[in-house]
Amino acid sequence: MSVLKLDRVTVLRRGRKVLDGNSATFQAHRVTAVIGPNGAGKSTMLNAAAGLLQPDAGRVTLDGADISRLHRRELARRRAYLPQRADVDWPITVERVVALGLVPQLPAFGPLPQRFLPAIEGALASCDVGHLRERPANALSGGELARVMLARAFVSAPELLIVDEPTAGLDPRHAIDAMRRVRARAREGCTVIVAIHDLDLALNHADDLVAIRDGAIMAAGPIESAATPALLSALYGIPVRLVRDNDGTTVRFLSAAEAP
């Protein structure tokens, strides 16, 4: 079980602050949804959280240790990261792509060791891609590849799981299933951070919320208290109404005529 913290993290690009002194805490056993409009800084925040981007100021810690000082092999063992656009350009099988999530334990060449097969099988099944295991990964549809990449993130049972837009390109059934699987990982003790545009999925499957706009965090906290119509309206610049019923919460964006 791991706790990840951003402590006054600032990231500059060509002199512009992409992240501006952001602080946030991501807890084990919880899914944190990072939301905000395009260009808000969500992917940059996830890259910094994953230890792939060194902040210009501030620091990122994992269980109190500066993530930049962790050995790359240890970080790879403890953390899984799924970028927003993950592609496969060579014709290796789906099974082998999923197995790559076991790096650094996996041998570079040869058949997959028997001891890894149960984890690979479980990851394939969890993302409904078992029937694709022998298919070349570069021959998959966008939605199929997205599920395969999610399986690759799951296979090592990481302490920290960071995924950027895991439901992009998925049909509604598989998008809901992906968030349920991500939530299940959190219930098993994983610290899960998800950048996501689908607010209905975020509000119904995440525990916590980090809302970011123009590189600055506007709100952070439990979904129930942080996700208010006022916050979402300010975040996206459009009036918002939340509709809650027995099936969950739905976000409705209002026209000017409907706005209160």
C-alpha atoms as a PDB file:
ATOM      1  CA  MET A   1       0.000   0.000   0.000  1.00  0.00           C
ATOM      2  CA  SER A   2       1.493   3.296  -1.118  1.00  0.00           C
ATOM      3  CA  VAL A   3       0.781   6.982  -0.650  1.00  0.00           C
ATOM      4  CA  LEU A   4       1.855   9.348  -3.411  1.00  0.00           C
ATOM      5  CA  LYS A   5       2.221  13.067  -2.744  1.00  0.00           C
ATOM      6  CA  LEU A   6       2.807  16.061  -4.972  1.00  0.00           C
ATOM      7  CA  ASP A   7       4.408  18.843  -2.965  1.00  0.00           C
ATOM      8  CA  ARG A   8       4.215  22.265  -4.656  1.00  0.00           C
ATOM      9  CA  VAL A   9       5.064  20.786  -8.032  1.00  0.00           C
ATOM     10  CA  THR A  10       5.796  23.243 -10.835  1.00  0.00           C
ATOM     11  CA  VAL A  11       6.582  22.258 -14.426  1.00  0.00           C
ATOM     12  CA  LEU A  12       7.742  24.770 -17.040  1.00  0.00           C
ATOM     13  CA  ARG A  13       7.609  24.421 -20.809  1.00  0.00           C
ATOM     14  CA  ARG A  14       9.165  27.157 -22.911  1.00  0.00           C
ATOM     15  CA  GLY A  15       8.875  29.498 -19.933  1.00  0.00           C
ATOM     16  CA  ARG A  16       5.176  28.777 -19.363  1.00  0.00           C
ATOM     17  CA  LYS A  17       3.931  27.116 -16.186  1.00  0.00           C
ATOM     18  CA  VAL A  18       2.156  23.939 -17.259  1.00  0.00           C
ATOM     19  CA  LEU A  19       1.797  23.028 -13.586  1.00  0.00           C
ATOM     20  CA  ASP A  20       1.851  25.837 -11.064  1.00  0.00           C
ATOM     21  CA  GLY A  21       2.799  24.841  -7.513  1.00  0.00           C
ATOM     22  CA  ASN A  22       0.385  21.931  -7.231  1.00  0.00           C
ATOM     23  CA  SER A  23       0.038  19.844  -4.074  1.00  0.00           C
ATOM     24  CA  ALA A  24      -2.108  16.730  -3.822  1.00  0.00           C
ATOM     25  CA  THR A  25      -2.199  13.421  -1.953  1.00  0.00           C
ATOM     26  CA  PHE A  26      -3.197  10.125  -3.539  1.00  0.00           C
ATOM     27  CA  GLN A  27      -4.153   7.382  -1.079  1.00  0.00           C
ATOM     28  CA  ALA A  28      -4.031   3.605  -1.241  1.00  0.00           C
ATOM     29  CA  HIS A  29      -7.365   1.747  -1.537  1.00  0.00           C
ATOM     30  CA  ARG A  30      -8.787   4.721  -3.476  1.00  0.00           C
ATOM     31  CA  VAL A  31      -9.308   5.791  -7.082  1.00  0.00           C
ATOM     32  CA  THR A  32      -8.535   9.454  -7.706  1.00  0.00           C
ATOM     33  CA  ALA A  33      -9.970  10.946 -10.903  1.00  0.00           C
ATOM     34  CA  VAL A  34      -7.991  13.845 -12.373  1.00  0.00           C
ATOM     35  CA  ILE A  35     -10.344  15.976 -14.442  1.00  0.00           C
ATOM     36  CA  GLY A  36     -10.173  19.221 -16.375  1.00  0.00           C
ATOM     37  CA  PRO A  37     -10.475  20.670 -19.883  1.00  0.00           C
ATOM     38  CA  ASN A  38      -8.033  19.982 -22.704  1.00  0.00           C
ATOM     39  CA  GLY A  39      -4.662  21.566 -22.030  1.00  0.00           C
ATOM     40  CA  ALA A  40      -5.293  21.858 -18.305  1.00  0.00           C
ATOM     41  CA  GLY A  41      -2.142  19.937 -17.347  1.00  0.00           C
ATOM     42  CA  LYS A  42      -3.622  16.527 -16.517  1.00  0.00           C
ATOM     43  CA  SER A  43      -1.154  14.442 -18.528  1.00  0.00           C
ATOM     44  CA  THR A  44       1.769  16.514 -17.255  1.00  0.00           C
ATOM     45  CA  MET A  45       0.614  15.908 -13.698  1.00  0.00           C
ATOM     46  CA  LEU A  46       0.411  12.165 -14.329  1.00  0.00           C
ATOM     47  CA  ASN A  47       3.864  12.123 -15.923  1.00  0.00           C
ATOM     48  CA  ALA A  48       5.299  13.865 -12.874  1.00  0.00           C
ATOM     49  CA  ALA A  49       3.408  11.525 -10.540  1.00  0.00           C
ATOM     50  CA  ALA A  50       4.803   8.516 -12.412  1.00  0.00           C
ATOM     51  CA  GLY A  51       8.381   9.746 -12.051  1.00  0.00           C
ATOM     52  CA  LEU A  52       8.752  10.225 -15.807  1.00  0.00           C
ATOM     53  CA  LEU A  53       9.074  13.997 -15.604  1.00  0.00           C
ATOM     54  CA  GLN A  54      11.329  15.896 -13.215  1.00  0.00           C
ATOM     55  CA  PRO A  55       9.519  18.969 -11.829  1.00  0.00           C
ATOM     56  CA  ASP A  56      11.197  22.357 -12.145  1.00  0.00           C
ATOM     57  CA  ALA A  57      10.189  23.018  -8.552  1.00  0.00           C
ATOM     58  CA  GLY A  58       8.678  20.949  -5.748  1.00  0.00           C
ATOM     59  CA  ARG A  59       8.875  17.193  -5.458  1.00  0.00           C
ATOM     60  CA  VAL A  60       6.912  13.963  -5.760  1.00  0.00           C
ATOM     61  CA  THR A  61       7.170  11.387  -2.980  1.00  0.00           C
ATOM     62  CA  LEU A  62       6.131   7.754  -2.756  1.00  0.00           C
ATOM     63  CA  ASP A  63       5.738   6.667   0.855  1.00  0.00           C
ATOM     64  CA  GLY A  64       7.875   9.629   1.871  1.00  0.00           C
ATOM     65  CA  ALA A  65      10.754   8.888  -0.530  1.00  0.00           C
ATOM     66  CA  ASP A  66      11.528  11.307  -3.358  1.00  0.00           C
ATOM     67  CA  ILE A  67      10.419   9.403  -6.453  1.00  0.00           C
ATOM     68  CA  SER A  68      13.308  10.808  -8.495  1.00  0.00           C
ATOM     69  CA  ARG A  69      15.772   9.051  -6.184  1.00  0.00           C
ATOM     70  CA  LEU A  70      14.211   5.613  -6.449  1.00  0.00           C
ATOM     71  CA  HIS A  71      16.139   3.148  -8.571  1.00  0.00           C
ATOM     72  CA  ARG A  72      14.463   2.766 -11.959  1.00  0.00           C
ATOM     73  CA  ARG A  73      14.094  -0.970 -11.419  1.00  0.00           C
ATOM     74  CA  GLU A  74      12.369  -0.490  -8.068  1.00  0.00           C
ATOM     75  CA  LEU A  75      10.053   2.159  -9.500  1.00  0.00           C
ATOM     76  CA  ALA A  76       9.170  -0.111 -12.445  1.00  0.00           C
ATOM     77  CA  ARG A  77       8.342  -2.893  -9.995  1.00  0.00           C
ATOM     78  CA  ARG A  78       6.100  -0.742  -7.797  1.00  0.00           C
ATOM     79  CA  ARG A  79       4.412   1.495 -10.369  1.00  0.00           C
ATOM     80  CA  ALA A  80       2.519   0.850 -13.604  1.00  0.00           C
ATOM     81  CA  TYR A  81       1.863   3.718 -15.989  1.00  0.00           C
ATOM     82  CA  LEU A  82      -0.438   3.707 -19.013  1.00  0.00           C
ATOM     83  CA  PRO A  83      -0.044   6.787 -21.249  1.00  0.00           C
ATOM     84  CA  GLN A  84      -2.902   8.379 -23.141  1.00  0.00           C
ATOM     85  CA  ARG A  85      -1.788   7.161 -26.552  1.00  0.00           C
ATOM     86  CA  ALA A  86      -0.128   3.772 -26.298  1.00  0.00           C
ATOM     87  CA  ASP A  87       0.744   2.189 -29.631  1.00  0.00           C
ATOM     88  CA  VAL A  88       2.361  -1.026 -30.799  1.00  0.00           C
ATOM     89  CA  ASP A  89       4.232  -0.775 -34.090  1.00  0.00           C
ATOM     90  CA  TRP A  90       5.500  -4.318 -34.437  1.00  0.00           C
ATOM     91  CA  PRO A  91       3.631  -7.622 -34.863  1.00  0.00           C
ATOM     92  CA  ILE A  92       4.154  -9.200 -31.443  1.00  0.00           C
ATOM     93  CA  THR A  93       1.269 -11.095 -29.928  1.00  0.00           C
ATOM     94  CA  VAL A  94      -1.217  -9.648 -27.490  1.00  0.00           C
ATOM     95  CA  GLU A  95      -0.012 -12.123 -24.882  1.00  0.00           C
ATOM     96  CA  ARG A  96       3.546 -10.835 -25.205  1.00  0.00           C
ATOM     97  CA  VAL A  97       2.410  -7.192 -25.021  1.00  0.00           C
ATOM     98  CA  VAL A  98       0.603  -7.899 -21.763  1.00  0.00           C
ATOM     99  CA  ALA A  99       3.662  -9.789 -20.491  1.00  0.00           C
ATOM    100  CA  LEU A 100       5.777  -6.662 -21.041  1.00  0.00           C
ATOM    101  CA  GLY A 101       4.033  -5.224 -18.007  1.00  0.00           C
ATOM    102  CA  LEU A 102       6.081  -7.665 -15.931  1.00  0.00           C
ATOM    103  CA  VAL A 103       9.333  -5.893 -16.761  1.00  0.00           C
ATOM    104  CA  PRO A 104      11.862  -5.870 -15.058  1.00  0.00           C
ATOM    105  CA  GLN A 105      11.237  -9.520 -14.151  1.00  0.00           C
ATOM    106  CA  LEU A 106      10.647 -10.716 -17.700  1.00  0.00           C
ATOM    107  CA  PRO A 107      13.561 -12.173 -19.720  1.00  0.00           C
ATOM    108  CA  ALA A 108      14.369 -10.278 -22.898  1.00  0.00           C
ATOM    109  CA  PHE A 109      14.171 -13.358 -25.147  1.00  0.00           C
ATOM    110  CA  GLY A 110      12.714 -16.830 -25.235  1.00  0.00           C
ATOM    111  CA  PRO A 111       9.377 -18.241 -24.137  1.00  0.00           C
ATOM    112  CA  LEU A 112       7.441 -16.800 -21.229  1.00  0.00           C
ATOM    113  CA  PRO A 113       8.455 -18.456 -17.941  1.00  0.00           C
ATOM    114  CA  GLN A 114       5.717 -20.660 -16.500  1.00  0.00           C
ATOM    115  CA  ARG A 115       5.584 -18.717 -13.232  1.00  0.00           C
ATOM    116  CA  PHE A 116       4.290 -15.637 -15.061  1.00  0.00           C
ATOM    117  CA  LEU A 117       1.478 -17.380 -16.904  1.00  0.00           C
ATOM    118  CA  PRO A 118      -1.227 -17.163 -14.177  1.00  0.00           C
ATOM    119  CA  ALA A 119      -0.750 -13.385 -13.867  1.00  0.00           C
ATOM    120  CA  ILE A 120      -0.864 -12.949 -17.647  1.00  0.00           C
ATOM    121  CA  GLU A 121      -3.945 -15.136 -17.942  1.00  0.00           C
ATOM    122  CA  GLY A 122      -5.685 -13.185 -15.193  1.00  0.00           C
ATOM    123  CA  ALA A 123      -4.887  -9.828 -16.794  1.00  0.00           C
ATOM    124  CA  LEU A 124      -6.110 -10.989 -20.215  1.00  0.00           C
ATOM    125  CA  ALA A 125      -9.367 -12.240 -18.692  1.00  0.00           C
ATOM    126  CA  SER A 126      -9.893  -9.128 -16.573  1.00  0.00           C
ATOM    127  CA  CYS A 127      -9.887  -6.907 -19.655  1.00  0.00           C
ATOM    128  CA  ASP A 128     -11.849  -9.297 -21.914  1.00  0.00           C
ATOM    129  CA  VAL A 129      -8.963  -9.869 -24.337  1.00  0.00           C
ATOM    130  CA  GLY A 130      -8.201 -13.550 -23.716  1.00  0.00           C
ATOM    131  CA  HIS A 131      -9.566 -14.475 -27.121  1.00  0.00           C
ATOM    132  CA  LEU A 132      -7.055 -12.093 -28.724  1.00  0.00           C
ATOM    133  CA  ARG A 133      -3.958 -13.558 -27.079  1.00  0.00           C
ATOM    134  CA  GLU A 134      -2.369 -14.882 -30.312  1.00  0.00           C
ATOM    135  CA  ARG A 135      -3.380 -11.934 -32.481  1.00  0.00           C
ATOM    136  CA  PRO A 136      -0.636  -9.474 -33.574  1.00  0.00           C
ATOM    137  CA  ALA A 137      -1.101  -6.375 -31.430  1.00  0.00           C
ATOM    138  CA  ASN A 138      -0.584  -4.030 -34.382  1.00  0.00           C
ATOM    139  CA  ALA A 139      -3.613  -5.592 -36.113  1.00  0.00           C
ATOM    140  CA  LEU A 140      -6.093  -4.670 -33.364  1.00  0.00           C
ATOM    141  CA  SER A 141      -8.786  -2.035 -33.436  1.00  0.00           C
ATOM    142  CA  GLY A 142      -8.277   1.056 -31.277  1.00  0.00           C
ATOM    143  CA  GLY A 143     -10.676  -0.197 -28.622  1.00  0.00           C
ATOM    144  CA  GLU A 144      -9.122  -3.661 -28.535  1.00  0.00           C
ATOM    145  CA  LEU A 145      -5.639  -2.200 -28.161  1.00  0.00           C
ATOM    146  CA  ALA A 146      -6.820   0.059 -25.334  1.00  0.00           C
ATOM    147  CA  ARG A 147      -8.055  -2.999 -23.424  1.00  0.00           C
ATOM    148  CA  VAL A 148      -4.797  -4.863 -24.091  1.00  0.00           C
ATOM    149  CA  MET A 149      -2.770  -1.939 -22.761  1.00  0.00           C
ATOM    150  CA  LEU A 150      -4.925  -1.806 -19.654  1.00  0.00           C
ATOM    151  CA  ALA A 151      -4.258  -5.518 -19.150  1.00  0.00           C
ATOM    152  CA  ARG A 152      -0.528  -4.778 -19.450  1.00  0.00           C
ATOM    153  CA  ALA A 153      -0.858  -2.187 -16.678  1.00  0.00           C
ATOM    154  CA  PHE A 154      -2.728  -4.669 -14.476  1.00  0.00           C
ATOM    155  CA  VAL A 155      -0.492  -7.713 -14.936  1.00  0.00           C
ATOM    156  CA  SER A 156       2.204  -6.860 -12.390  1.00  0.00           C
ATOM    157  CA  ALA A 157      -0.319  -6.027  -9.613  1.00  0.00           C
ATOM    158  CA  PRO A 158       1.464  -2.712  -8.923  1.00  0.00           C
ATOM    159  CA  GLU A 159       1.229  -0.726  -5.709  1.00  0.00           C
ATOM    160  CA  LEU A 160       0.701   2.445  -7.755  1.00  0.00           C
ATOM    161  CA  LEU A 161      -1.374   2.462 -10.948  1.00  0.00           C
ATOM    162  CA  ILE A 162      -1.444   5.621 -13.092  1.00  0.00           C
ATOM    163  CA  VAL A 163      -3.594   5.609 -16.217  1.00  0.00           C
ATOM    164  CA  ASP A 164      -4.254   8.445 -18.655  1.00  0.00           C
ATOM    165  CA  GLU A 165      -7.663   8.262 -20.358  1.00  0.00           C
ATOM    166  CA  PRO A 166      -8.164   4.483 -20.013  1.00  0.00           C
ATOM    167  CA  THR A 167     -11.678   4.615 -21.472  1.00  0.00           C
ATOM    168  CA  ALA A 168     -10.866   6.627 -24.622  1.00  0.00           C
ATOM    169  CA  GLY A 169     -11.961   4.693 -27.693  1.00  0.00           C
ATOM    170  CA  LEU A 170     -13.887   2.091 -25.713  1.00  0.00           C
ATOM    171  CA  ASP A 171     -17.546   1.294 -26.288  1.00  0.00           C
ATOM    172  CA  PRO A 172     -19.849   1.971 -23.292  1.00  0.00           C
ATOM    173  CA  ARG A 173     -19.769  -1.622 -22.023  1.00  0.00           C
ATOM    174  CA  HIS A 174     -15.977  -1.841 -22.008  1.00  0.00           C
ATOM    175  CA  ALA A 175     -15.552   1.707 -20.670  1.00  0.00           C
ATOM    176  CA  ILE A 176     -17.709   0.897 -17.648  1.00  0.00           C
ATOM    177  CA  ASP A 177     -15.959  -2.442 -17.258  1.00  0.00           C
ATOM    178  CA  ALA A 178     -12.527  -0.757 -17.384  1.00  0.00           C
ATOM    179  CA  MET A 179     -13.459   1.600 -14.555  1.00  0.00           C
ATOM    180  CA  ARG A 180     -14.878  -1.269 -12.524  1.00  0.00           C
ATOM    181  CA  ARG A 181     -11.617  -3.179 -12.981  1.00  0.00           C
ATOM    182  CA  VAL A 182      -9.601  -0.121 -11.991  1.00  0.00           C
ATOM    183  CA  ARG A 183     -11.770   0.303  -8.908  1.00  0.00           C
ATOM    184  CA  ALA A 184     -11.273  -3.378  -8.027  1.00  0.00           C
ATOM    185  CA  ARG A 185      -7.499  -2.819  -8.049  1.00  0.00           C
ATOM    186  CA  ALA A 186      -7.930  -0.019  -5.557  1.00  0.00           C
ATOM    187  CA  ARG A 187     -10.054  -2.214  -3.304  1.00  0.00           C
ATOM    188  CA  GLU A 188      -7.151  -4.683  -3.285  1.00  0.00           C
ATOM    189  CA  GLY A 189      -4.866  -1.976  -1.877  1.00  0.00           C
ATOM    190  CA  CYS A 190      -3.538  -0.215  -4.972  1.00  0.00           C
ATOM    191  CA  THR A 191      -3.188   3.565  -5.213  1.00  0.00           C
ATOM    192  CA  VAL A 192      -4.963   4.471  -8.463  1.00  0.00           C
ATOM    193  CA  ILE A 193      -4.760   7.769 -10.359  1.00  0.00           C
ATOM    194  CA  VAL A 194      -6.893   8.168 -13.494  1.00  0.00           C
ATOM    195  CA  ALA A 195      -7.047  11.142 -15.834  1.00  0.00           C
ATOM    196  CA  ILE A 196     -10.441  11.025 -17.494  1.00  0.00           C
ATOM    197  CA  HIS A 197     -12.755  13.188 -19.587  1.00  0.00           C
ATOM    198  CA  ASP A 198     -15.921  11.141 -19.040  1.00  0.00           C
ATOM    199  CA  LEU A 199     -17.357  12.856 -15.968  1.00  0.00           C
ATOM    200  CA  ASP A 200     -20.171  10.352 -15.496  1.00  0.00           C
ATOM    201  CA  LEU A 201     -17.630   7.533 -15.209  1.00  0.00           C
ATOM    202  CA  ALA A 202     -15.441   9.625 -12.915  1.00  0.00           C
ATOM    203  CA  LEU A 203     -18.238  10.552 -10.542  1.00  0.00           C
ATOM    204  CA  ASN A 204     -19.639   7.028 -10.366  1.00  0.00           C
ATOM    205  CA  HIS A 205     -16.406   5.027 -10.095  1.00  0.00           C
ATOM    206  CA  ALA A 206     -13.811   7.225  -8.382  1.00  0.00           C
ATOM    207  CA  ASP A 207     -13.446   7.919  -4.676  1.00  0.00           C
ATOM    208  CA  ASP A 208     -11.567  11.211  -4.880  1.00  0.00           C
ATOM    209  CA  LEU A 209     -11.266  14.082  -7.314  1.00  0.00           C
ATOM    210  CA  VAL A 210      -8.497  16.435  -8.413  1.00  0.00           C
ATOM    211  CA  ALA A 211      -9.806  19.208 -10.664  1.00  0.00           C
ATOM    212  CA  ILE A 212      -7.207  21.135 -12.643  1.00  0.00           C
ATOM    213  CA  ARG A 213      -7.445  24.109 -14.983  1.00  0.00           C
ATOM    214  CA  ASP A 214      -4.656  26.211 -16.511  1.00  0.00           C
ATOM    215  CA  GLY A 215      -2.067  24.224 -14.583  1.00  0.00           C
ATOM    216  CA  ALA A 216      -3.531  24.885 -11.144  1.00  0.00           C
ATOM    217  CA  ILE A 217      -5.616  22.648  -8.919  1.00  0.00           C
ATOM    218  CA  MET A 218      -9.050  24.185  -8.374  1.00  0.00           C
ATOM    219  CA  ALA A 219     -10.326  21.531  -5.957  1.00  0.00           C
ATOM    220  CA  ALA A 220      -9.302  18.210  -4.451  1.00  0.00           C
ATOM    221  CA  GLY A 221     -11.058  15.831  -2.104  1.00  0.00           C
ATOM    222  CA  PRO A 222     -13.718  13.127  -1.893  1.00  0.00           C
ATOM    223  CA  ILE A 223     -16.066  12.980  -4.872  1.00  0.00           C
ATOM    224  CA  GLU A 224     -19.136  13.558  -2.700  1.00  0.00           C
ATOM    225  CA  SER A 225     -17.952  16.957  -1.471  1.00  0.00           C
ATOM    226  CA  ALA A 226     -15.591  18.137  -4.230  1.00  0.00           C
ATOM    227  CA  ALA A 227     -17.714  17.487  -7.327  1.00  0.00           C
ATOM    228  CA  THR A 228     -20.219  20.323  -7.114  1.00  0.00           C
ATOM    229  CA  PRO A 229     -22.109  22.024  -9.960  1.00  0.00           C
ATOM    230  CA  ALA A 230     -20.280  25.269  -9.114  1.00  0.00           C
ATOM    231  CA  LEU A 231     -16.870  23.619  -9.421  1.00  0.00           C
ATOM    232  CA  LEU A 232     -17.666  21.804 -12.673  1.00  0.00           C
ATOM    233  CA  SER A 233     -19.200  24.942 -14.182  1.00  0.00           C
ATOM    234  CA  ALA A 234     -16.078  26.969 -13.345  1.00  0.00           C
ATOM    235  CA  LEU A 235     -13.777  24.154 -14.496  1.00  0.00           C
ATOM    236  CA  TYR A 236     -15.317  23.792 -17.959  1.00  0.00           C
ATOM    237  CA  GLY A 237     -16.745  27.268 -18.440  1.00  0.00           C
ATOM    238  CA  ILE A 238     -20.282  26.031 -19.024  1.00  0.00           C
ATOM    239  CA  PRO A 239     -23.284  25.698 -16.682  1.00  0.00           C
ATOM    240  CA  VAL A 240     -23.584  22.226 -15.168  1.00  0.00           C
ATOM    241  CA  ARG A 241     -26.330  20.353 -13.364  1.00  0.00           C
ATOM    242  CA  LEU A 242     -25.811  17.104 -11.469  1.00  0.00           C
ATOM    243  CA  VAL A 243     -28.662  14.599 -11.653  1.00  0.00           C
ATOM    244  CA  ARG A 244     -28.564  11.961  -8.914  1.00  0.00           C
ATOM    245  CA  ASP A 245     -30.793   8.901  -8.704  1.00  0.00           C
ATOM    246  CA  ASN A 246     -30.572   5.252  -7.685  1.00  0.00           C
ATOM    247  CA  ASP A 247     -28.413   4.495 -10.736  1.00  0.00           C
ATOM    248  CA  GLY A 248     -25.745   7.053  -9.824  1.00  0.00           C
ATOM    249  CA  THR A 249     -24.808  10.585 -10.862  1.00  0.00           C
ATOM    250  CA  THR A 250     -25.152  12.089 -14.335  1.00  0.00           C
ATOM    251  CA  VAL A 251     -23.521  15.340 -15.418  1.00  0.00           C
ATOM    252  CA  ARG A 252     -25.683  17.504 -17.627  1.00  0.00           C
ATOM    253  CA  PHE A 253     -24.166  20.484 -19.444  1.00  0.00           C
ATOM    254  CA  LEU A 254     -26.741  23.232 -19.854  1.00  0.00           C
ATOM    255  CA  SER A 255     -27.460  25.578 -22.717  1.00  0.00           C
ATOM    256  CA  ALA A 256     -27.583  29.303 -22.083  1.00  0.00           C
ATOM    257  CA  ALA A 257     -31.389  29.136 -22.069  1.00  0.00           C
ATOM    258  CA  GLU A 258     -31.345  26.406 -19.387  1.00  0.00           C
ATOM    259  CA  ALA A 259     -28.775  28.065 -17.144  1.00  0.00           C
ATOM    260  CA  PRO A 260     -30.113  29.347 -13.832  1.00  0.00           C
END
